[in-house]
Amino acid sequence: MIIKVCGMRDADNIRAVESLGVNWMGFIFYGPSSRNVESLPSYLPQDAKRVGVFVDEDPLAVSIRVKQFGLDMVQLHGSEDIRYIGRIRALCPGITVIKALSIESAKDLEQASAYFGMVEYLLFDTKAKLVGGNGVQFDWSILNSYRGTVPFILSGGIGPDDAGRVNGFSHPMMAGIDLNSRFESSPALKDVESLKSFLSQIKNLNS
């Protein structure tokens, strides 16, 4: 299972979280977010994949961030369509694309089909006022009706007490989970011990 920790910014915190063995680390490039990254941290993950999170950003600006931060992936959290994704791929050859979709009901899953064959992953997040980082879960049983061919990352309000619930949820296309606000001591600063305990529970429950 892919473990993605999103909303990183502080160099020491990045280093500490990476030492836990997480697979992906997310950096948010969106001005209104309390986790927005404005400058290059003095340390970036060397083992974990680097994911840049954008919301309807100009494709050229995305490509600049990809080069500046050495991003392996871009996660698109706005209304980006397949033409936009094509532009990103042209500017950033070899980039992995994740398209985030806001979920409240089974009907929201219908939008996923527009991205089949265009992205490597989908990310299913809770439909809410804020763009990510709301700390609120949606009804995961909705995803039982997902029949797509694109693997997905489960996101939205997963917290320290949810290890059993995560392990109890099964879907053939679920590739991993996204952890963010409920593991923070303050915006963009993760509670390393809380993450460590959670990941240990996940591992033990899977063994």
N, C-alpha and C. Protein backbone atom coordinates (compact mmCIF):
# COMPACT_ATOMS: atom_id res chain seq x y z
N MET A 1 0.83 -1.20 0.00
CA MET A 1 0.00 0.00 0.00
C MET A 1 0.87 1.26 0.00
N ILE A 2 0.60 2.18 -0.92
CA ILE A 2 1.32 3.45 -0.98
C ILE A 2 0.89 4.33 0.19
N ILE A 3 1.86 4.87 0.91
CA ILE A 3 1.58 5.83 1.97
C ILE A 3 2.05 7.20 1.51
N LYS A 4 1.12 8.11 1.32
CA LYS A 4 1.44 9.48 0.91
C LYS A 4 1.14 10.41 2.09
N VAL A 5 2.13 11.22 2.45
CA VAL A 5 1.93 12.25 3.47
C VAL A 5 1.99 13.59 2.77
N CYS A 6 0.92 14.34 2.87
CA CYS A 6 0.81 15.59 2.10
C CYS A 6 0.89 16.81 3.01
N GLY A 7 1.15 17.94 2.39
CA GLY A 7 1.20 19.19 3.13
C GLY A 7 2.50 19.38 3.88
N MET A 8 3.62 19.03 3.26
CA MET A 8 4.94 19.15 3.89
C MET A 8 5.57 20.49 3.52
N ARG A 9 6.42 20.99 4.44
CA ARG A 9 7.07 22.28 4.15
C ARG A 9 8.38 22.48 4.91
N ASP A 10 8.42 22.04 6.17
CA ASP A 10 9.58 22.25 7.03
C ASP A 10 10.64 21.19 6.77
N ALA A 11 11.89 21.62 6.57
CA ALA A 11 12.97 20.70 6.19
C ALA A 11 13.19 19.59 7.22
N ASP A 12 13.26 19.95 8.49
CA ASP A 12 13.49 18.93 9.53
C ASP A 12 12.32 17.96 9.61
N ASN A 13 11.12 18.48 9.45
CA ASN A 13 9.93 17.64 9.49
C ASN A 13 9.88 16.71 8.29
N ILE A 14 10.29 17.21 7.14
CA ILE A 14 10.37 16.38 5.93
C ILE A 14 11.32 15.22 6.16
N ARG A 15 12.48 15.52 6.72
CA ARG A 15 13.49 14.50 6.97
C ARG A 15 12.97 13.44 7.95
N ALA A 16 12.31 13.90 9.01
CA ALA A 16 11.81 12.99 10.04
C ALA A 16 10.69 12.09 9.52
N VAL A 17 9.79 12.67 8.74
CA VAL A 17 8.68 11.89 8.18
C VAL A 17 9.20 10.89 7.16
N GLU A 18 10.16 11.30 6.34
CA GLU A 18 10.72 10.39 5.35
C GLU A 18 11.38 9.19 6.02
N SER A 19 11.98 9.41 7.19
CA SER A 19 12.66 8.33 7.90
C SER A 19 11.70 7.23 8.34
N LEU A 20 10.40 7.52 8.33
CA LEU A 20 9.39 6.52 8.70
C LEU A 20 9.13 5.53 7.56
N GLY A 21 9.67 5.83 6.39
CA GLY A 21 9.51 4.91 5.26
C GLY A 21 8.29 5.17 4.41
N VAL A 22 7.76 6.41 4.45
CA VAL A 22 6.60 6.72 3.60
C VAL A 22 7.03 6.71 2.14
N ASN A 23 6.07 6.50 1.25
CA ASN A 23 6.38 6.34 -0.17
C ASN A 23 6.38 7.64 -0.96
N TRP A 24 5.39 8.49 -0.67
CA TRP A 24 5.24 9.76 -1.39
C TRP A 24 5.11 10.89 -0.38
N MET A 25 5.62 12.07 -0.73
CA MET A 25 5.43 13.27 0.09
C MET A 25 4.91 14.39 -0.79
N GLY A 26 3.86 15.04 -0.29
CA GLY A 26 3.18 16.07 -1.08
C GLY A 26 3.53 17.48 -0.65
N PHE A 27 3.72 18.36 -1.64
CA PHE A 27 4.02 19.77 -1.42
C PHE A 27 2.94 20.59 -2.11
N ILE A 28 2.27 21.42 -1.35
CA ILE A 28 1.12 22.16 -1.87
C ILE A 28 1.53 23.52 -2.39
N PHE A 29 1.24 23.77 -3.66
CA PHE A 29 1.53 25.05 -4.29
C PHE A 29 0.20 25.73 -4.63
N TYR A 30 -0.41 26.28 -3.60
CA TYR A 30 -1.73 26.90 -3.76
C TYR A 30 -1.83 27.99 -2.70
N GLY A 31 -1.78 29.23 -3.14
CA GLY A 31 -1.71 30.38 -2.25
C GLY A 31 -2.68 30.40 -1.08
N PRO A 32 -3.98 30.11 -1.30
CA PRO A 32 -4.93 30.17 -0.20
C PRO A 32 -4.74 29.09 0.87
N SER A 33 -3.96 28.07 0.60
CA SER A 33 -3.77 26.99 1.56
C SER A 33 -2.82 27.40 2.69
N SER A 34 -3.15 26.99 3.91
CA SER A 34 -2.27 27.24 5.05
C SER A 34 -1.00 26.41 4.96
N ARG A 35 -0.94 25.48 4.01
CA ARG A 35 0.23 24.62 3.82
C ARG A 35 0.99 24.99 2.54
N ASN A 36 0.69 26.14 1.99
CA ASN A 36 1.33 26.57 0.75
C ASN A 36 2.84 26.67 0.92
N VAL A 37 3.57 26.15 -0.07
CA VAL A 37 5.03 26.21 -0.07
C VAL A 37 5.46 27.37 -0.95
N GLU A 38 6.11 28.35 -0.35
CA GLU A 38 6.53 29.53 -1.10
C GLU A 38 7.99 29.48 -1.53
N SER A 39 8.80 28.77 -0.76
CA SER A 39 10.23 28.72 -1.08
C SER A 39 10.76 27.30 -0.95
N LEU A 40 11.88 27.05 -1.55
CA LEU A 40 12.48 25.73 -1.56
C LEU A 40 13.04 25.38 -0.18
N PRO A 41 12.55 24.29 0.46
CA PRO A 41 13.11 23.89 1.75
C PRO A 41 14.58 23.49 1.59
N SER A 42 15.32 23.56 2.68
CA SER A 42 16.74 23.21 2.63
C SER A 42 16.95 21.71 2.50
N TYR A 43 15.87 20.93 2.73
CA TYR A 43 15.94 19.48 2.50
C TYR A 43 14.67 19.03 1.80
N LEU A 44 14.85 18.20 0.80
CA LEU A 44 13.73 17.57 0.09
C LEU A 44 13.92 16.06 0.15
N PRO A 45 12.84 15.29 0.12
CA PRO A 45 12.98 13.83 0.23
C PRO A 45 13.87 13.24 -0.85
N GLN A 46 14.70 12.28 -0.44
CA GLN A 46 15.60 11.61 -1.36
C GLN A 46 15.09 10.23 -1.75
N ASP A 47 14.32 9.62 -0.87
CA ASP A 47 13.79 8.28 -1.13
C ASP A 47 12.32 8.31 -1.50
N ALA A 48 11.54 9.11 -0.79
CA ALA A 48 10.12 9.23 -1.10
C ALA A 48 9.92 10.04 -2.38
N LYS A 49 8.91 9.66 -3.16
CA LYS A 49 8.58 10.42 -4.36
C LYS A 49 8.04 11.79 -3.98
N ARG A 50 8.37 12.79 -4.77
CA ARG A 50 7.93 14.16 -4.52
C ARG A 50 6.69 14.48 -5.37
N VAL A 51 5.63 14.88 -4.71
CA VAL A 51 4.35 15.17 -5.38
C VAL A 51 4.02 16.65 -5.20
N GLY A 52 3.82 17.35 -6.30
CA GLY A 52 3.39 18.74 -6.23
C GLY A 52 1.89 18.83 -6.40
N VAL A 53 1.23 19.55 -5.50
CA VAL A 53 -0.23 19.68 -5.53
C VAL A 53 -0.59 21.06 -6.05
N PHE A 54 -1.41 21.09 -7.10
CA PHE A 54 -1.78 22.34 -7.76
C PHE A 54 -3.29 22.44 -7.93
N VAL A 55 -3.79 23.67 -7.99
CA VAL A 55 -5.22 23.92 -8.18
C VAL A 55 -5.40 24.90 -9.33
N ASP A 56 -5.75 24.38 -10.50
CA ASP A 56 -5.99 25.22 -11.68
C ASP A 56 -4.85 26.21 -11.93
N GLU A 57 -3.64 25.74 -11.71
CA GLU A 57 -2.47 26.59 -11.90
C GLU A 57 -2.10 26.65 -13.38
N ASP A 58 -1.49 27.76 -13.78
CA ASP A 58 -1.01 27.89 -15.15
C ASP A 58 0.00 26.77 -15.44
N PRO A 59 -0.17 26.03 -16.54
CA PRO A 59 0.73 24.91 -16.83
C PRO A 59 2.20 25.27 -16.84
N LEU A 60 2.53 26.45 -17.32
CA LEU A 60 3.93 26.86 -17.33
C LEU A 60 4.46 27.03 -15.90
N ALA A 61 3.64 27.57 -15.02
CA ALA A 61 4.04 27.72 -13.62
C ALA A 61 4.23 26.35 -12.97
N VAL A 62 3.38 25.39 -13.35
CA VAL A 62 3.54 24.02 -12.85
C VAL A 62 4.88 23.45 -13.28
N SER A 63 5.21 23.65 -14.55
CA SER A 63 6.46 23.09 -15.07
C SER A 63 7.68 23.70 -14.38
N ILE A 64 7.58 24.96 -13.99
CA ILE A 64 8.68 25.61 -13.27
C ILE A 64 8.87 24.97 -11.90
N ARG A 65 7.75 24.70 -11.21
CA ARG A 65 7.82 24.04 -9.91
C ARG A 65 8.35 22.60 -10.04
N VAL A 66 7.96 21.94 -11.10
CA VAL A 66 8.44 20.57 -11.32
C VAL A 66 9.96 20.55 -11.39
N LYS A 67 10.53 21.50 -12.12
CA LYS A 67 11.99 21.56 -12.25
C LYS A 67 12.65 22.03 -10.96
N GLN A 68 12.08 23.05 -10.34
CA GLN A 68 12.66 23.64 -9.13
C GLN A 68 12.72 22.64 -7.98
N PHE A 69 11.65 21.85 -7.82
CA PHE A 69 11.55 20.92 -6.70
C PHE A 69 11.89 19.48 -7.09
N GLY A 70 12.19 19.26 -8.35
CA GLY A 70 12.49 17.90 -8.80
C GLY A 70 11.31 16.97 -8.57
N LEU A 71 10.13 17.44 -8.93
CA LEU A 71 8.90 16.68 -8.67
C LEU A 71 8.81 15.44 -9.55
N ASP A 72 8.37 14.35 -8.95
CA ASP A 72 8.12 13.11 -9.69
C ASP A 72 6.68 13.05 -10.20
N MET A 73 5.80 13.75 -9.51
CA MET A 73 4.37 13.68 -9.83
C MET A 73 3.72 15.05 -9.62
N VAL A 74 2.62 15.27 -10.34
CA VAL A 74 1.78 16.42 -10.07
C VAL A 74 0.38 15.91 -9.73
N GLN A 75 -0.19 16.50 -8.70
CA GLN A 75 -1.56 16.17 -8.27
C GLN A 75 -2.43 17.38 -8.56
N LEU A 76 -3.45 17.19 -9.37
CA LEU A 76 -4.30 18.29 -9.83
C LEU A 76 -5.59 18.28 -9.05
N HIS A 77 -5.83 19.37 -8.29
CA HIS A 77 -6.94 19.40 -7.34
C HIS A 77 -8.04 20.37 -7.74
N GLY A 78 -8.00 20.85 -8.99
CA GLY A 78 -9.01 21.81 -9.42
C GLY A 78 -9.93 21.22 -10.47
N SER A 79 -10.26 22.03 -11.46
CA SER A 79 -11.19 21.61 -12.52
C SER A 79 -10.44 21.25 -13.81
N GLU A 80 -9.20 20.84 -13.67
CA GLU A 80 -8.35 20.55 -14.83
C GLU A 80 -8.96 19.44 -15.71
N ASP A 81 -9.01 19.70 -17.02
CA ASP A 81 -9.58 18.72 -17.95
C ASP A 81 -8.46 18.01 -18.71
N ILE A 82 -8.85 17.17 -19.65
CA ILE A 82 -7.83 16.37 -20.34
C ILE A 82 -6.94 17.23 -21.24
N ARG A 83 -7.44 18.32 -21.75
CA ARG A 83 -6.59 19.22 -22.55
C ARG A 83 -5.51 19.83 -21.67
N TYR A 84 -5.88 20.22 -20.47
CA TYR A 84 -4.92 20.76 -19.51
C TYR A 84 -3.85 19.72 -19.19
N ILE A 85 -4.29 18.49 -18.96
CA ILE A 85 -3.34 17.41 -18.64
C ILE A 85 -2.38 17.18 -19.81
N GLY A 86 -2.90 17.25 -21.02
CA GLY A 86 -2.05 17.12 -22.20
C GLY A 86 -0.98 18.20 -22.25
N ARG A 87 -1.35 19.39 -21.86
CA ARG A 87 -0.40 20.50 -21.82
C ARG A 87 0.69 20.25 -20.77
N ILE A 88 0.28 19.75 -19.60
CA ILE A 88 1.24 19.44 -18.54
C ILE A 88 2.23 18.37 -19.02
N ARG A 89 1.72 17.37 -19.68
CA ARG A 89 2.60 16.29 -20.16
C ARG A 89 3.59 16.80 -21.21
N ALA A 90 3.14 17.74 -22.03
CA ALA A 90 4.03 18.30 -23.05
C ALA A 90 5.15 19.12 -22.40
N LEU A 91 4.83 19.81 -21.33
CA LEU A 91 5.81 20.66 -20.65
C LEU A 91 6.70 19.89 -19.68
N CYS A 92 6.17 18.76 -19.20
CA CYS A 92 6.89 17.98 -18.17
C CYS A 92 6.97 16.52 -18.61
N PRO A 93 7.81 16.20 -19.58
CA PRO A 93 7.90 14.82 -20.08
C PRO A 93 8.22 13.82 -18.96
N GLY A 94 7.49 12.72 -18.96
CA GLY A 94 7.74 11.67 -18.00
C GLY A 94 7.08 11.86 -16.64
N ILE A 95 6.36 12.96 -16.46
CA ILE A 95 5.71 13.22 -15.18
C ILE A 95 4.54 12.26 -14.95
N THR A 96 4.34 11.87 -13.70
CA THR A 96 3.17 11.08 -13.31
C THR A 96 2.07 12.03 -12.88
N VAL A 97 0.86 11.80 -13.36
CA VAL A 97 -0.26 12.70 -13.06
C VAL A 97 -1.30 12.01 -12.18
N ILE A 98 -1.67 12.71 -11.11
CA ILE A 98 -2.74 12.27 -10.22
C ILE A 98 -3.86 13.30 -10.32
N LYS A 99 -5.08 12.85 -10.59
CA LYS A 99 -6.21 13.79 -10.63
C LYS A 99 -7.09 13.55 -9.40
N ALA A 100 -7.25 14.59 -8.60
CA ALA A 100 -8.09 14.51 -7.41
C ALA A 100 -9.54 14.81 -7.77
N LEU A 101 -10.44 14.03 -7.21
CA LEU A 101 -11.86 14.22 -7.42
C LEU A 101 -12.55 14.31 -6.06
N SER A 102 -13.48 15.25 -5.94
CA SER A 102 -14.22 15.44 -4.69
C SER A 102 -15.43 14.53 -4.68
N ILE A 103 -15.58 13.76 -3.60
CA ILE A 103 -16.63 12.74 -3.52
C ILE A 103 -17.59 13.01 -2.37
N GLU A 104 -18.86 12.98 -2.69
CA GLU A 104 -19.93 13.08 -1.67
C GLU A 104 -20.96 11.98 -1.86
N SER A 105 -21.18 11.61 -3.13
CA SER A 105 -22.15 10.56 -3.46
C SER A 105 -21.62 9.74 -4.62
N ALA A 106 -22.28 8.63 -4.91
CA ALA A 106 -21.87 7.76 -6.01
C ALA A 106 -21.87 8.50 -7.33
N LYS A 107 -22.73 9.47 -7.47
CA LYS A 107 -22.80 10.24 -8.72
C LYS A 107 -21.50 10.98 -9.00
N ASP A 108 -20.80 11.36 -7.94
CA ASP A 108 -19.53 12.08 -8.12
C ASP A 108 -18.47 11.20 -8.78
N LEU A 109 -18.64 9.89 -8.68
CA LEU A 109 -17.67 8.98 -9.30
C LEU A 109 -17.77 8.98 -10.82
N GLU A 110 -18.89 9.47 -11.35
CA GLU A 110 -19.09 9.46 -12.80
C GLU A 110 -18.04 10.32 -13.52
N GLN A 111 -17.54 11.34 -12.83
CA GLN A 111 -16.55 12.23 -13.46
C GLN A 111 -15.22 11.53 -13.69
N ALA A 112 -15.00 10.42 -13.01
CA ALA A 112 -13.72 9.73 -13.12
C ALA A 112 -13.44 9.24 -14.54
N SER A 113 -14.47 8.81 -15.24
CA SER A 113 -14.29 8.20 -16.56
C SER A 113 -13.62 9.13 -17.56
N ALA A 114 -13.76 10.44 -17.38
CA ALA A 114 -13.15 11.41 -18.29
C ALA A 114 -11.63 11.33 -18.26
N TYR A 115 -11.08 10.76 -17.18
CA TYR A 115 -9.62 10.74 -17.01
C TYR A 115 -9.00 9.37 -17.25
N PHE A 116 -9.83 8.39 -17.58
CA PHE A 116 -9.28 7.05 -17.85
C PHE A 116 -8.34 7.14 -19.05
N GLY A 117 -7.16 6.58 -18.91
CA GLY A 117 -6.18 6.62 -19.98
C GLY A 117 -5.38 7.90 -20.04
N MET A 118 -5.74 8.86 -19.18
CA MET A 118 -5.06 10.16 -19.20
C MET A 118 -4.20 10.40 -17.97
N VAL A 119 -4.49 9.69 -16.88
CA VAL A 119 -3.73 9.87 -15.64
C VAL A 119 -3.30 8.51 -15.10
N GLU A 120 -2.26 8.52 -14.29
CA GLU A 120 -1.78 7.27 -13.68
C GLU A 120 -2.58 6.90 -12.44
N TYR A 121 -3.05 7.93 -11.72
CA TYR A 121 -3.82 7.70 -10.50
C TYR A 121 -4.94 8.71 -10.38
N LEU A 122 -6.00 8.29 -9.70
CA LEU A 122 -7.03 9.21 -9.22
C LEU A 122 -6.85 9.31 -7.71
N LEU A 123 -7.30 10.41 -7.14
CA LEU A 123 -7.32 10.56 -5.69
C LEU A 123 -8.72 10.98 -5.29
N PHE A 124 -9.36 10.19 -4.47
CA PHE A 124 -10.72 10.46 -4.04
C PHE A 124 -10.68 11.16 -2.68
N ASP A 125 -11.14 12.40 -2.66
CA ASP A 125 -11.11 13.23 -1.46
C ASP A 125 -12.54 13.63 -1.09
N THR A 126 -12.69 14.15 0.10
CA THR A 126 -14.01 14.58 0.59
C THR A 126 -14.43 15.89 -0.06
N LYS A 127 -15.65 15.95 -0.54
CA LYS A 127 -16.18 17.20 -1.08
C LYS A 127 -16.46 18.14 0.09
N ALA A 128 -15.80 19.29 0.10
CA ALA A 128 -15.93 20.24 1.20
C ALA A 128 -15.61 21.64 0.71
N LYS A 129 -15.71 22.62 1.61
CA LYS A 129 -15.47 24.01 1.23
C LYS A 129 -14.02 24.26 0.85
N LEU A 130 -13.10 23.69 1.63
CA LEU A 130 -11.68 23.88 1.36
C LEU A 130 -11.20 22.90 0.31
N VAL A 131 -10.13 23.27 -0.40
CA VAL A 131 -9.52 22.36 -1.37
C VAL A 131 -8.50 21.50 -0.63
N GLY A 132 -8.94 20.36 -0.12
CA GLY A 132 -8.07 19.46 0.63
C GLY A 132 -7.81 19.96 2.04
N GLY A 133 -7.30 19.05 2.88
CA GLY A 133 -6.93 19.42 4.24
C GLY A 133 -8.08 19.75 5.15
N ASN A 134 -9.26 19.20 4.85
CA ASN A 134 -10.45 19.49 5.66
C ASN A 134 -10.55 18.63 6.91
N GLY A 135 -9.88 17.49 6.91
CA GLY A 135 -9.94 16.61 8.06
C GLY A 135 -11.27 15.89 8.21
N VAL A 136 -12.02 15.79 7.11
CA VAL A 136 -13.35 15.17 7.14
C VAL A 136 -13.38 14.00 6.17
N GLN A 137 -13.97 12.91 6.59
CA GLN A 137 -14.07 11.72 5.74
C GLN A 137 -15.41 11.69 5.01
N PHE A 138 -15.40 11.05 3.84
CA PHE A 138 -16.64 10.74 3.15
C PHE A 138 -16.96 9.26 3.39
N ASP A 139 -18.12 8.84 2.92
CA ASP A 139 -18.54 7.45 3.10
C ASP A 139 -17.79 6.57 2.11
N TRP A 140 -16.82 5.81 2.60
CA TRP A 140 -15.98 5.01 1.71
C TRP A 140 -16.77 3.94 0.97
N SER A 141 -17.91 3.55 1.47
CA SER A 141 -18.70 2.51 0.79
C SER A 141 -19.16 2.99 -0.59
N ILE A 142 -19.16 4.30 -0.81
CA ILE A 142 -19.49 4.86 -2.12
C ILE A 142 -18.56 4.29 -3.18
N LEU A 143 -17.31 4.04 -2.80
CA LEU A 143 -16.31 3.59 -3.76
C LEU A 143 -16.52 2.17 -4.23
N ASN A 144 -17.43 1.46 -3.59
CA ASN A 144 -17.75 0.09 -4.05
C ASN A 144 -18.32 0.10 -5.46
N SER A 145 -18.87 1.25 -5.87
CA SER A 145 -19.43 1.33 -7.21
C SER A 145 -18.41 1.81 -8.25
N TYR A 146 -17.18 2.05 -7.83
CA TYR A 146 -16.14 2.44 -8.78
C TYR A 146 -15.67 1.22 -9.55
N ARG A 147 -15.79 1.27 -10.87
CA ARG A 147 -15.41 0.16 -11.74
C ARG A 147 -14.34 0.56 -12.74
N GLY A 148 -13.64 1.63 -12.42
CA GLY A 148 -12.64 2.15 -13.35
C GLY A 148 -11.38 1.33 -13.41
N THR A 149 -10.57 1.63 -14.41
CA THR A 149 -9.31 0.92 -14.64
C THR A 149 -8.10 1.69 -14.09
N VAL A 150 -8.33 2.88 -13.56
CA VAL A 150 -7.26 3.69 -13.01
C VAL A 150 -7.21 3.49 -11.49
N PRO A 151 -6.05 3.12 -10.94
CA PRO A 151 -5.95 2.94 -9.49
C PRO A 151 -6.18 4.26 -8.75
N PHE A 152 -6.63 4.16 -7.52
CA PHE A 152 -6.93 5.37 -6.77
C PHE A 152 -6.24 5.40 -5.40
N ILE A 153 -6.03 6.63 -4.93
CA ILE A 153 -5.53 6.90 -3.59
C ILE A 153 -6.72 7.36 -2.75
N LEU A 154 -6.88 6.79 -1.58
CA LEU A 154 -7.97 7.17 -0.68
C LEU A 154 -7.51 8.33 0.20
N SER A 155 -8.28 9.40 0.19
CA SER A 155 -7.92 10.60 0.92
C SER A 155 -9.13 11.14 1.68
N GLY A 156 -8.88 12.16 2.49
CA GLY A 156 -9.96 12.82 3.19
C GLY A 156 -10.13 12.40 4.64
N GLY A 157 -9.49 13.12 5.54
CA GLY A 157 -9.75 12.96 6.97
C GLY A 157 -9.29 11.68 7.62
N ILE A 158 -8.37 10.96 7.00
CA ILE A 158 -7.84 9.75 7.65
C ILE A 158 -6.96 10.19 8.82
N GLY A 159 -7.23 9.62 10.01
CA GLY A 159 -6.55 10.06 11.21
C GLY A 159 -5.87 8.94 11.97
N PRO A 160 -5.26 9.28 13.10
CA PRO A 160 -4.49 8.31 13.90
C PRO A 160 -5.27 7.09 14.36
N ASP A 161 -6.58 7.23 14.48
CA ASP A 161 -7.40 6.12 14.98
C ASP A 161 -8.02 5.27 13.87
N ASP A 162 -7.61 5.52 12.64
CA ASP A 162 -8.28 4.88 11.50
C ASP A 162 -7.53 3.70 10.90
N ALA A 163 -6.48 3.20 11.56
CA ALA A 163 -5.71 2.10 10.97
C ALA A 163 -6.57 0.88 10.71
N GLY A 164 -7.39 0.51 11.68
CA GLY A 164 -8.26 -0.65 11.51
C GLY A 164 -9.27 -0.45 10.40
N ARG A 165 -9.79 0.75 10.31
CA ARG A 165 -10.78 1.06 9.28
C ARG A 165 -10.14 1.01 7.89
N VAL A 166 -8.93 1.54 7.78
CA VAL A 166 -8.22 1.50 6.49
C VAL A 166 -7.97 0.05 6.08
N ASN A 167 -7.48 -0.74 7.00
CA ASN A 167 -7.18 -2.14 6.68
C ASN A 167 -8.44 -2.94 6.41
N GLY A 168 -9.55 -2.48 6.95
CA GLY A 168 -10.80 -3.19 6.73
C GLY A 168 -11.49 -2.83 5.43
N PHE A 169 -10.98 -1.78 4.77
CA PHE A 169 -11.58 -1.36 3.49
C PHE A 169 -10.83 -2.03 2.34
N SER A 170 -11.57 -2.65 1.46
CA SER A 170 -10.94 -3.37 0.35
C SER A 170 -11.57 -2.97 -0.98
N HIS A 171 -10.71 -2.69 -1.94
CA HIS A 171 -11.16 -2.41 -3.31
C HIS A 171 -10.01 -2.80 -4.23
N PRO A 172 -10.27 -3.52 -5.32
CA PRO A 172 -9.18 -3.98 -6.19
C PRO A 172 -8.35 -2.88 -6.81
N MET A 173 -8.89 -1.65 -6.88
CA MET A 173 -8.14 -0.56 -7.51
C MET A 173 -7.58 0.44 -6.50
N MET A 174 -7.71 0.14 -5.23
CA MET A 174 -7.14 1.03 -4.22
C MET A 174 -5.64 0.81 -4.14
N ALA A 175 -4.87 1.88 -4.40
CA ALA A 175 -3.41 1.76 -4.43
C ALA A 175 -2.75 2.25 -3.15
N GLY A 176 -3.44 3.12 -2.39
CA GLY A 176 -2.82 3.65 -1.19
C GLY A 176 -3.69 4.67 -0.49
N ILE A 177 -3.10 5.35 0.50
CA ILE A 177 -3.83 6.34 1.29
C ILE A 177 -3.03 7.64 1.37
N ASP A 178 -3.76 8.72 1.60
CA ASP A 178 -3.19 10.05 1.69
C ASP A 178 -3.44 10.59 3.10
N LEU A 179 -2.37 10.99 3.79
CA LEU A 179 -2.48 11.47 5.16
C LEU A 179 -2.08 12.94 5.21
N ASN A 180 -2.87 13.73 5.96
CA ASN A 180 -2.54 15.15 6.01
C ASN A 180 -2.95 15.78 7.34
N SER A 181 -4.04 16.53 7.35
CA SER A 181 -4.33 17.45 8.45
C SER A 181 -4.50 16.79 9.82
N ARG A 182 -5.02 15.58 9.87
CA ARG A 182 -5.28 14.95 11.16
C ARG A 182 -4.01 14.38 11.81
N PHE A 183 -2.89 14.53 11.13
CA PHE A 183 -1.60 14.13 11.70
C PHE A 183 -0.72 15.35 11.96
N GLU A 184 -1.33 16.52 12.07
CA GLU A 184 -0.55 17.75 12.23
C GLU A 184 -0.62 18.31 13.64
N SER A 185 0.49 18.90 14.07
CA SER A 185 0.51 19.68 15.30
C SER A 185 0.19 21.14 14.98
N SER A 186 0.46 21.53 13.74
CA SER A 186 0.08 22.83 13.18
C SER A 186 0.14 22.69 11.67
N PRO A 187 -0.48 23.60 10.91
CA PRO A 187 -0.49 23.44 9.45
C PRO A 187 0.90 23.25 8.87
N ALA A 188 1.05 22.18 8.08
CA ALA A 188 2.30 21.83 7.39
C ALA A 188 3.37 21.27 8.32
N LEU A 189 3.02 20.98 9.57
CA LEU A 189 3.98 20.38 10.50
C LEU A 189 3.38 19.09 11.05
N LYS A 190 3.93 17.95 10.61
CA LYS A 190 3.36 16.65 10.98
C LYS A 190 3.87 16.17 12.34
N ASP A 191 2.97 15.52 13.07
CA ASP A 191 3.31 14.88 14.34
C ASP A 191 3.95 13.54 14.02
N VAL A 192 5.26 13.48 14.10
CA VAL A 192 6.01 12.31 13.65
C VAL A 192 5.66 11.07 14.48
N GLU A 193 5.51 11.22 15.77
CA GLU A 193 5.19 10.07 16.62
C GLU A 193 3.80 9.52 16.31
N SER A 194 2.87 10.40 16.03
CA SER A 194 1.52 9.97 15.66
C SER A 194 1.54 9.19 14.35
N LEU A 195 2.29 9.69 13.38
CA LEU A 195 2.44 8.98 12.10
C LEU A 195 3.12 7.63 12.30
N LYS A 196 4.16 7.62 13.12
CA LYS A 196 4.90 6.38 13.37
C LYS A 196 4.00 5.32 13.97
N SER A 197 3.19 5.71 14.94
CA SER A 197 2.27 4.77 15.59
C SER A 197 1.23 4.25 14.61
N PHE A 198 0.70 5.14 13.78
CA PHE A 198 -0.30 4.75 12.79
C PHE A 198 0.27 3.76 11.79
N LEU A 199 1.45 4.06 11.28
CA LEU A 199 2.05 3.19 10.27
C LEU A 199 2.41 1.82 10.87
N SER A 200 2.79 1.82 12.13
CA SER A 200 3.07 0.55 12.81
C SER A 200 1.80 -0.29 12.93
N GLN A 201 0.68 0.36 13.24
CA GLN A 201 -0.60 -0.33 13.33
C GLN A 201 -1.01 -0.92 11.98
N ILE A 202 -0.82 -0.12 10.93
CA ILE A 202 -1.14 -0.59 9.58
C ILE A 202 -0.34 -1.84 9.25
N LYS A 203 0.95 -1.79 9.54
CA LYS A 203 1.83 -2.92 9.25
C LYS A 203 1.45 -4.16 10.06
N ASN A 204 1.18 -3.96 11.36
CA ASN A 204 0.84 -5.09 12.23
C ASN A 204 -0.49 -5.74 11.85
N LEU A 205 -1.46 -4.91 11.45
CA LEU A 205 -2.77 -5.42 11.08
C LEU A 205 -2.70 -6.18 9.76
N ASN A 206 -1.69 -5.83 8.94
CA ASN A 206 -1.54 -6.49 7.64
C ASN A 206 -0.69 -7.76 7.73
N SER A 207 0.00 -7.96 8.86
CA SER A 207 0.92 -9.09 8.98
C SER A 207 0.19 -10.37 9.41
